Amino acid sequence: MKDGSHCSKRSPLLQVVLRDYLAEAAKTLLAESRFLDVLPGFVLEGERVPLIQERLGLIAAGIPSGN
Protein backbone atom coordinates (compact mmCIF):
# COMPACT_ATOMS: atom_id res chain seq x y z
CA MET A 1 0.00 0.00 0.00
CA LYS A 2 1.95 2.97 -1.25
CA ASP A 3 -0.91 5.44 -0.93
CA GLY A 4 -0.57 5.75 2.85
CA SER A 5 -4.02 4.28 3.53
CA HIS A 6 -2.48 1.75 5.91
CA CYS A 7 -1.75 4.59 8.36
CA SER A 8 -5.44 5.07 9.14
CA LYS A 9 -5.73 1.41 10.17
CA ARG A 10 -3.23 1.70 13.03
CA SER A 11 -4.61 1.77 16.50
CA PRO A 12 -5.11 5.14 18.18
CA LEU A 13 -2.95 3.93 21.08
CA LEU A 14 -0.06 3.19 18.74
CA GLN A 15 -0.41 6.63 17.20
CA VAL A 16 -0.27 8.28 20.64
CA VAL A 17 2.72 6.22 21.73
CA LEU A 18 4.57 7.02 18.50
CA ARG A 19 3.73 10.73 18.70
CA ASP A 20 4.92 10.88 22.32
CA TYR A 21 8.14 9.04 21.46
CA LEU A 22 8.89 11.39 18.57
CA ALA A 23 8.08 14.42 20.71
CA GLU A 24 10.57 13.28 23.36
CA ALA A 25 13.21 12.58 20.72
CA ALA A 26 12.73 16.04 19.19
CA LYS A 27 12.92 17.69 22.64
CA THR A 28 16.16 15.86 23.34
CA LEU A 29 17.68 16.96 20.03
CA LEU A 30 16.62 20.58 20.46
CA ALA A 31 18.07 20.67 23.98
CA GLU A 32 21.44 19.40 22.73
CA SER A 33 23.70 22.27 21.71
CA ARG A 34 25.96 19.92 19.74
CA PHE A 35 23.00 18.93 17.54
CA LEU A 36 22.08 22.56 16.92
CA ASP A 37 25.71 23.39 16.12
CA VAL A 38 26.10 20.66 13.49
CA LEU A 39 22.61 20.85 11.96
CA PRO A 40 23.60 23.45 9.34
CA GLY A 41 26.34 21.10 8.10
CA PHE A 42 23.79 18.37 7.39
CA VAL A 43 21.38 20.58 5.49
CA LEU A 44 22.27 21.30 1.87
CA GLU A 45 20.28 24.51 1.82
CA GLY A 46 21.33 26.51 4.89
CA GLU A 47 18.28 28.76 4.72
CA ARG A 48 16.15 25.71 5.59
CA VAL A 49 17.75 25.29 9.03
CA PRO A 50 15.26 27.64 10.78
CA LEU A 51 12.36 25.77 9.15
CA ILE A 52 13.75 22.43 10.33
CA GLN A 53 14.21 23.79 13.85
CA GLU A 54 10.67 25.19 13.80
CA ARG A 55 9.20 21.86 12.70
CA LEU A 56 11.20 19.96 15.29
CA GLY A 57 9.79 22.40 17.85
CA LEU A 58 6.26 21.61 16.67
CA ILE A 59 6.96 17.89 16.90
CA ALA A 60 8.42 18.40 20.39
CA ALA A 61 5.24 20.23 21.39
CA GLY A 62 3.08 17.48 19.89
CA ILE A 63 1.64 19.81 17.26
CA PRO A 64 1.31 18.46 13.70
CA SER A 65 3.07 20.67 11.12
CA GLY A 66 0.24 20.31 8.61
CA ASN A 67 2.60 19.42 5.76
PDB file of N, CA and C in Angstrom:
ATOM      1  N   MET A   1       0.840  -1.192   0.000  1.00  0.00           N
ATOM      2  CA  MET A   1       0.000   0.000   0.000  1.00  0.00           C
ATOM      3  C   MET A   1       0.877   1.244   0.000  1.00  0.00           C
ATOM      4  N   LYS A   2       1.088   1.807  -1.144  1.00  0.00           N
ATOM      5  CA  LYS A   2       1.949   2.972  -1.254  1.00  0.00           C
ATOM      6  C   LYS A   2       1.183   4.282  -1.076  1.00  0.00           C
ATOM      7  N   ASP A   3      -0.127   4.213  -1.010  1.00  0.00           N
ATOM      8  CA  ASP A   3      -0.912   5.437  -0.930  1.00  0.00           C
ATOM      9  C   ASP A   3      -1.055   5.967   0.492  1.00  0.00           C
ATOM     10  N   GLY A   4      -0.509   5.294   1.472  1.00  0.00           N
ATOM     11  CA  GLY A   4      -0.575   5.751   2.850  1.00  0.00           C
ATOM     12  C   GLY A   4      -1.851   5.368   3.570  1.00  0.00           C
ATOM     13  N   SER A   5      -2.749   4.634   2.897  1.00  0.00           N
ATOM     14  CA  SER A   5      -4.022   4.283   3.526  1.00  0.00           C
ATOM     15  C   SER A   5      -3.835   3.367   4.722  1.00  0.00           C
ATOM     16  N   HIS A   6      -2.718   2.644   4.778  1.00  0.00           N
ATOM     17  CA  HIS A   6      -2.477   1.750   5.910  1.00  0.00           C
ATOM     18  C   HIS A   6      -2.315   2.520   7.213  1.00  0.00           C
ATOM     19  N   CYS A   7      -1.951   3.794   7.150  1.00  0.00           N
ATOM     20  CA  CYS A   7      -1.751   4.591   8.363  1.00  0.00           C
ATOM     21  C   CYS A   7      -3.047   4.754   9.150  1.00  0.00           C
ATOM     22  N   SER A   8      -4.165   4.858   8.457  1.00  0.00           N
ATOM     23  CA  SER A   8      -5.436   5.065   9.141  1.00  0.00           C
ATOM     24  C   SER A   8      -5.910   3.806   9.860  1.00  0.00           C
ATOM     25  N   LYS A   9      -5.311   2.663   9.553  1.00  0.00           N
ATOM     26  CA  LYS A   9      -5.726   1.409  10.167  1.00  0.00           C
ATOM     27  C   LYS A   9      -4.976   1.115  11.461  1.00  0.00           C
ATOM     28  N   ARG A  10      -3.976   1.916  11.790  1.00  0.00           N
ATOM     29  CA  ARG A  10      -3.226   1.702  13.028  1.00  0.00           C
ATOM     30  C   ARG A  10      -4.079   2.112  14.207  1.00  0.00           C
ATOM     31  N   SER A  11      -3.811   1.477  15.316  1.00  0.00           N
ATOM     32  CA  SER A  11      -4.609   1.768  16.498  1.00  0.00           C
ATOM     33  C   SER A  11      -4.311   3.167  17.022  1.00  0.00           C
ATOM     34  N   PRO A  12      -5.320   3.816  17.593  1.00  0.00           N
ATOM     35  CA  PRO A  12      -5.108   5.140  18.180  1.00  0.00           C
ATOM     36  C   PRO A  12      -4.033   5.115  19.273  1.00  0.00           C
ATOM     37  N   LEU A  13      -3.966   4.029  20.029  1.00  0.00           N
ATOM     38  CA  LEU A  13      -2.954   3.933  21.082  1.00  0.00           C
ATOM     39  C   LEU A  13      -1.557   3.951  20.483  1.00  0.00           C
ATOM     40  N   LEU A  14      -1.351   3.206  19.403  1.00  0.00           N
ATOM     41  CA  LEU A  14      -0.056   3.189  18.739  1.00  0.00           C
ATOM     42  C   LEU A  14       0.310   4.581  18.235  1.00  0.00           C
ATOM     43  N   GLN A  15      -0.653   5.285  17.694  1.00  0.00           N
ATOM     44  CA  GLN A  15      -0.407   6.633  17.202  1.00  0.00           C
ATOM     45  C   GLN A  15       0.019   7.560  18.337  1.00  0.00           C
ATOM     46  N   VAL A  16      -0.618   7.439  19.493  1.00  0.00           N
ATOM     47  CA  VAL A  16      -0.274   8.279  20.643  1.00  0.00           C
ATOM     48  C   VAL A  16       1.121   7.935  21.149  1.00  0.00           C
ATOM     49  N   VAL A  17       1.411   6.654  21.250  1.00  0.00           N
ATOM     50  CA  VAL A  17       2.725   6.224  21.726  1.00  0.00           C
ATOM     51  C   VAL A  17       3.814   6.717  20.780  1.00  0.00           C
ATOM     52  N   LEU A  18       3.597   6.571  19.480  1.00  0.00           N
ATOM     53  CA  LEU A  18       4.570   7.017  18.498  1.00  0.00           C
ATOM     54  C   LEU A  18       4.749   8.534  18.546  1.00  0.00           C
ATOM     55  N   ARG A  19       3.648   9.272  18.629  1.00  0.00           N
ATOM     56  CA  ARG A  19       3.730  10.732  18.701  1.00  0.00           C
ATOM     57  C   ARG A  19       4.500  11.173  19.944  1.00  0.00           C
ATOM     58  N   ASP A  20       4.221  10.536  21.083  1.00  0.00           N
ATOM     59  CA  ASP A  20       4.921  10.882  22.322  1.00  0.00           C
ATOM     60  C   ASP A  20       6.411  10.568  22.235  1.00  0.00           C
ATOM     61  N   TYR A  21       6.734   9.420  21.630  1.00  0.00           N
ATOM     62  CA  TYR A  21       8.135   9.037  21.461  1.00  0.00           C
ATOM     63  C   TYR A  21       8.870  10.060  20.591  1.00  0.00           C
ATOM     64  N   LEU A  22       8.263  10.422  19.464  1.00  0.00           N
ATOM     65  CA  LEU A  22       8.891  11.386  18.565  1.00  0.00           C
ATOM     66  C   LEU A  22       9.009  12.760  19.210  1.00  0.00           C
ATOM     67  N   ALA A  23       8.017  13.141  20.012  1.00  0.00           N
ATOM     68  CA  ALA A  23       8.085  14.420  20.714  1.00  0.00           C
ATOM     69  C   ALA A  23       9.260  14.438  21.683  1.00  0.00           C
ATOM     70  N   GLU A  24       9.439  13.362  22.421  1.00  0.00           N
ATOM     71  CA  GLU A  24      10.566  13.282  23.360  1.00  0.00           C
ATOM     72  C   GLU A  24      11.902  13.305  22.624  1.00  0.00           C
ATOM     73  N   ALA A  25      11.976  12.593  21.503  1.00  0.00           N
ATOM     74  CA  ALA A  25      13.214  12.579  20.721  1.00  0.00           C
ATOM     75  C   ALA A  25      13.532  13.978  20.191  1.00  0.00           C
ATOM     76  N   ALA A  26      12.523  14.686  19.708  1.00  0.00           N
ATOM     77  CA  ALA A  26      12.726  16.036  19.194  1.00  0.00           C
ATOM     78  C   ALA A  26      13.149  16.982  20.319  1.00  0.00           C
ATOM     79  N   LYS A  27      12.528  16.859  21.493  1.00  0.00           N
ATOM     80  CA  LYS A  27      12.918  17.695  22.638  1.00  0.00           C
ATOM     81  C   LYS A  27      14.372  17.465  22.998  1.00  0.00           C
ATOM     82  N   THR A  28      14.778  16.198  22.997  1.00  0.00           N
ATOM     83  CA  THR A  28      16.162  15.861  23.338  1.00  0.00           C
ATOM     84  C   THR A  28      17.128  16.484  22.332  1.00  0.00           C
ATOM     85  N   LEU A  29      16.811  16.376  21.057  1.00  0.00           N
ATOM     86  CA  LEU A  29      17.681  16.963  20.030  1.00  0.00           C
ATOM     87  C   LEU A  29      17.769  18.480  20.174  1.00  0.00           C
ATOM     88  N   LEU A  30      16.638  19.122  20.369  1.00  0.00           N
ATOM     89  CA  LEU A  30      16.623  20.582  20.461  1.00  0.00           C
ATOM     90  C   LEU A  30      17.325  21.095  21.717  1.00  0.00           C
ATOM     91  N   ALA A  31      17.399  20.271  22.750  1.00  0.00           N
ATOM     92  CA  ALA A  31      18.072  20.665  23.982  1.00  0.00           C
ATOM     93  C   ALA A  31      19.578  20.427  23.914  1.00  0.00           C
ATOM     94  N   GLU A  32      20.031  19.760  22.874  1.00  0.00           N
ATOM     95  CA  GLU A  32      21.441  19.396  22.729  1.00  0.00           C
ATOM     96  C   GLU A  32      22.157  20.424  21.849  1.00  0.00           C
ATOM     97  N   SER A  33      23.017  21.222  22.460  1.00  0.00           N
ATOM     98  CA  SER A  33      23.703  22.275  21.705  1.00  0.00           C
ATOM     99  C   SER A  33      24.571  21.702  20.584  1.00  0.00           C
ATOM    100  N   ARG A  34      25.133  20.529  20.796  1.00  0.00           N
ATOM    101  CA  ARG A  34      25.958  19.924  19.739  1.00  0.00           C
ATOM    102  C   ARG A  34      25.124  19.626  18.504  1.00  0.00           C
ATOM    103  N   PHE A  35      23.880  19.183  18.686  1.00  0.00           N
ATOM    104  CA  PHE A  35      22.995  18.934  17.544  1.00  0.00           C
ATOM    105  C   PHE A  35      22.720  20.237  16.802  1.00  0.00           C
ATOM    106  N   LEU A  36      22.386  21.277  17.549  1.00  0.00           N
ATOM    107  CA  LEU A  36      22.080  22.562  16.920  1.00  0.00           C
ATOM    108  C   LEU A  36      23.299  23.137  16.203  1.00  0.00           C
ATOM    109  N   ASP A  37      24.482  22.881  16.744  1.00  0.00           N
ATOM    110  CA  ASP A  37      25.708  23.387  16.122  1.00  0.00           C
ATOM    111  C   ASP A  37      26.015  22.692  14.796  1.00  0.00           C
ATOM    112  N   VAL A  38      25.753  21.399  14.707  1.00  0.00           N
ATOM    113  CA  VAL A  38      26.101  20.661  13.486  1.00  0.00           C
ATOM    114  C   VAL A  38      24.961  20.595  12.474  1.00  0.00           C
ATOM    115  N   LEU A  39      23.755  20.939  12.876  1.00  0.00           N
ATOM    116  CA  LEU A  39      22.612  20.850  11.959  1.00  0.00           C
ATOM    117  C   LEU A  39      22.858  21.565  10.636  1.00  0.00           C
ATOM    118  N   PRO A  40      23.383  22.784  10.630  1.00  0.00           N
ATOM    119  CA  PRO A  40      23.603  23.449   9.341  1.00  0.00           C
ATOM    120  C   PRO A  40      24.533  22.669   8.402  1.00  0.00           C
ATOM    121  N   GLY A  41      25.445  21.888   8.938  1.00  0.00           N
ATOM    122  CA  GLY A  41      26.336  21.101   8.103  1.00  0.00           C
ATOM    123  C   GLY A  41      25.668  19.909   7.443  1.00  0.00           C
ATOM    124  N   PHE A  42      24.516  19.506   7.954  1.00  0.00           N
ATOM    125  CA  PHE A  42      23.794  18.367   7.390  1.00  0.00           C
ATOM    126  C   PHE A  42      22.710  18.789   6.400  1.00  0.00           C
ATOM    127  N   VAL A  43      22.441  20.070   6.351  1.00  0.00           N
ATOM    128  CA  VAL A  43      21.376  20.580   5.491  1.00  0.00           C
ATOM    129  C   VAL A  43      22.017  21.238   4.273  1.00  0.00           C
ATOM    130  N   LEU A  44      21.670  20.763   3.094  1.00  0.00           N
ATOM    131  CA  LEU A  44      22.274  21.297   1.871  1.00  0.00           C
ATOM    132  C   LEU A  44      21.921  22.762   1.644  1.00  0.00           C
ATOM    133  N   GLU A  45      20.720  23.127   1.991  1.00  0.00           N
ATOM    134  CA  GLU A  45      20.278  24.512   1.822  1.00  0.00           C
ATOM    135  C   GLU A  45      20.206  25.147   3.204  1.00  0.00           C
ATOM    136  N   GLY A  46      21.218  25.930   3.550  1.00  0.00           N
ATOM    137  CA  GLY A  46      21.331  26.513   4.886  1.00  0.00           C
ATOM    138  C   GLY A  46      20.131  27.329   5.318  1.00  0.00           C
ATOM    139  N   GLU A  47      19.439  27.941   4.360  1.00  0.00           N
ATOM    140  CA  GLU A  47      18.278  28.762   4.724  1.00  0.00           C
ATOM    141  C   GLU A  47      17.114  27.917   5.244  1.00  0.00           C
ATOM    142  N   ARG A  48      17.208  26.603   5.090  1.00  0.00           N
ATOM    143  CA  ARG A  48      16.147  25.714   5.588  1.00  0.00           C
ATOM    144  C   ARG A  48      16.323  25.351   7.057  1.00  0.00           C
ATOM    145  N   VAL A  49      17.482  25.654   7.639  1.00  0.00           N
ATOM    146  CA  VAL A  49      17.745  25.286   9.027  1.00  0.00           C
ATOM    147  C   VAL A  49      16.684  25.851   9.974  1.00  0.00           C
ATOM    148  N   PRO A  50      16.313  27.133   9.870  1.00  0.00           N
ATOM    149  CA  PRO A  50      15.261  27.638  10.778  1.00  0.00           C
ATOM    150  C   PRO A  50      13.931  26.894  10.619  1.00  0.00           C
ATOM    151  N   LEU A  51      13.600  26.522   9.392  1.00  0.00           N
ATOM    152  CA  LEU A  51      12.362  25.770   9.151  1.00  0.00           C
ATOM    153  C   LEU A  51      12.431  24.399   9.821  1.00  0.00           C
ATOM    154  N   ILE A  52      13.571  23.743   9.697  1.00  0.00           N
ATOM    155  CA  ILE A  52      13.749  22.432  10.331  1.00  0.00           C
ATOM    156  C   ILE A  52      13.646  22.565  11.847  1.00  0.00           C
ATOM    157  N   GLN A  53      14.283  23.577  12.401  1.00  0.00           N
ATOM    158  CA  GLN A  53      14.208  23.793  13.847  1.00  0.00           C
ATOM    159  C   GLN A  53      12.779  24.098  14.283  1.00  0.00           C
ATOM    160  N   GLU A  54      12.066  24.872  13.479  1.00  0.00           N
ATOM    161  CA  GLU A  54      10.670  25.187  13.797  1.00  0.00           C
ATOM    162  C   GLU A  54       9.809  23.923  13.795  1.00  0.00           C
ATOM    163  N   ARG A  55       9.998  23.093  12.785  1.00  0.00           N
ATOM    164  CA  ARG A  55       9.200  21.864  12.696  1.00  0.00           C
ATOM    165  C   ARG A  55       9.554  20.883  13.802  1.00  0.00           C
ATOM    166  N   LEU A  56      10.826  20.798  14.148  1.00  0.00           N
ATOM    167  CA  LEU A  56      11.204  19.962  15.291  1.00  0.00           C
ATOM    168  C   LEU A  56      10.550  20.482  16.566  1.00  0.00           C
ATOM    169  N   GLY A  57      10.464  21.807  16.690  1.00  0.00           N
ATOM    170  CA  GLY A  57       9.787  22.401  17.848  1.00  0.00           C
ATOM    171  C   GLY A  57       8.316  22.027  17.890  1.00  0.00           C
ATOM    172  N   LEU A  58       7.676  22.014  16.734  1.00  0.00           N
ATOM    173  CA  LEU A  58       6.265  21.611  16.668  1.00  0.00           C
ATOM    174  C   LEU A  58       6.102  20.144  17.048  1.00  0.00           C
ATOM    175  N   ILE A  59       7.007  19.322  16.547  1.00  0.00           N
ATOM    176  CA  ILE A  59       6.960  17.894  16.902  1.00  0.00           C
ATOM    177  C   ILE A  59       7.169  17.737  18.406  1.00  0.00           C
ATOM    178  N   ALA A  60       8.137  18.470  18.948  1.00  0.00           N
ATOM    179  CA  ALA A  60       8.420  18.399  20.388  1.00  0.00           C
ATOM    180  C   ALA A  60       7.215  18.820  21.222  1.00  0.00           C
ATOM    181  N   ALA A  61       6.441  19.756  20.682  1.00  0.00           N
ATOM    182  CA  ALA A  61       5.240  20.233  21.385  1.00  0.00           C
ATOM    183  C   ALA A  61       4.037  19.347  21.115  1.00  0.00           C
ATOM    184  N   GLY A  62       4.198  18.365  20.216  1.00  0.00           N
ATOM    185  CA  GLY A  62       3.084  17.477  19.889  1.00  0.00           C
ATOM    186  C   GLY A  62       2.083  18.096  18.939  1.00  0.00           C
ATOM    187  N   ILE A  63       2.526  19.113  18.190  1.00  0.00           N
ATOM    188  CA  ILE A  63       1.644  19.810  17.263  1.00  0.00           C
ATOM    189  C   ILE A  63       1.982  19.377  15.843  1.00  0.00           C
ATOM    190  N   PRO A  64       1.032  18.848  15.075  1.00  0.00           N
ATOM    191  CA  PRO A  64       1.311  18.461  13.695  1.00  0.00           C
ATOM    192  C   PRO A  64       1.675  19.689  12.856  1.00  0.00           C
ATOM    193  N   SER A  65       2.630  19.535  11.936  1.00  0.00           N
ATOM    194  CA  SER A  65       3.073  20.666  11.117  1.00  0.00           C
ATOM    195  C   SER A  65       2.088  20.996  10.007  1.00  0.00           C
ATOM    196  N   GLY A  66       1.225  20.062   9.663  1.00  0.00           N
ATOM    197  CA  GLY A  66       0.237  20.313   8.608  1.00  0.00           C
ATOM    198  C   GLY A  66       0.750  20.044   7.222  1.00  0.00           C
ATOM    199  N   ASN A  67       2.026  19.702   7.080  1.00  0.00           N
ATOM    200  CA  ASN A  67       2.595  19.415   5.759  1.00  0.00           C
ATOM    201  C   ASN A  67       3.132  18.029   5.732  1.00  0.00           C
TER     202      ASN A  67
END
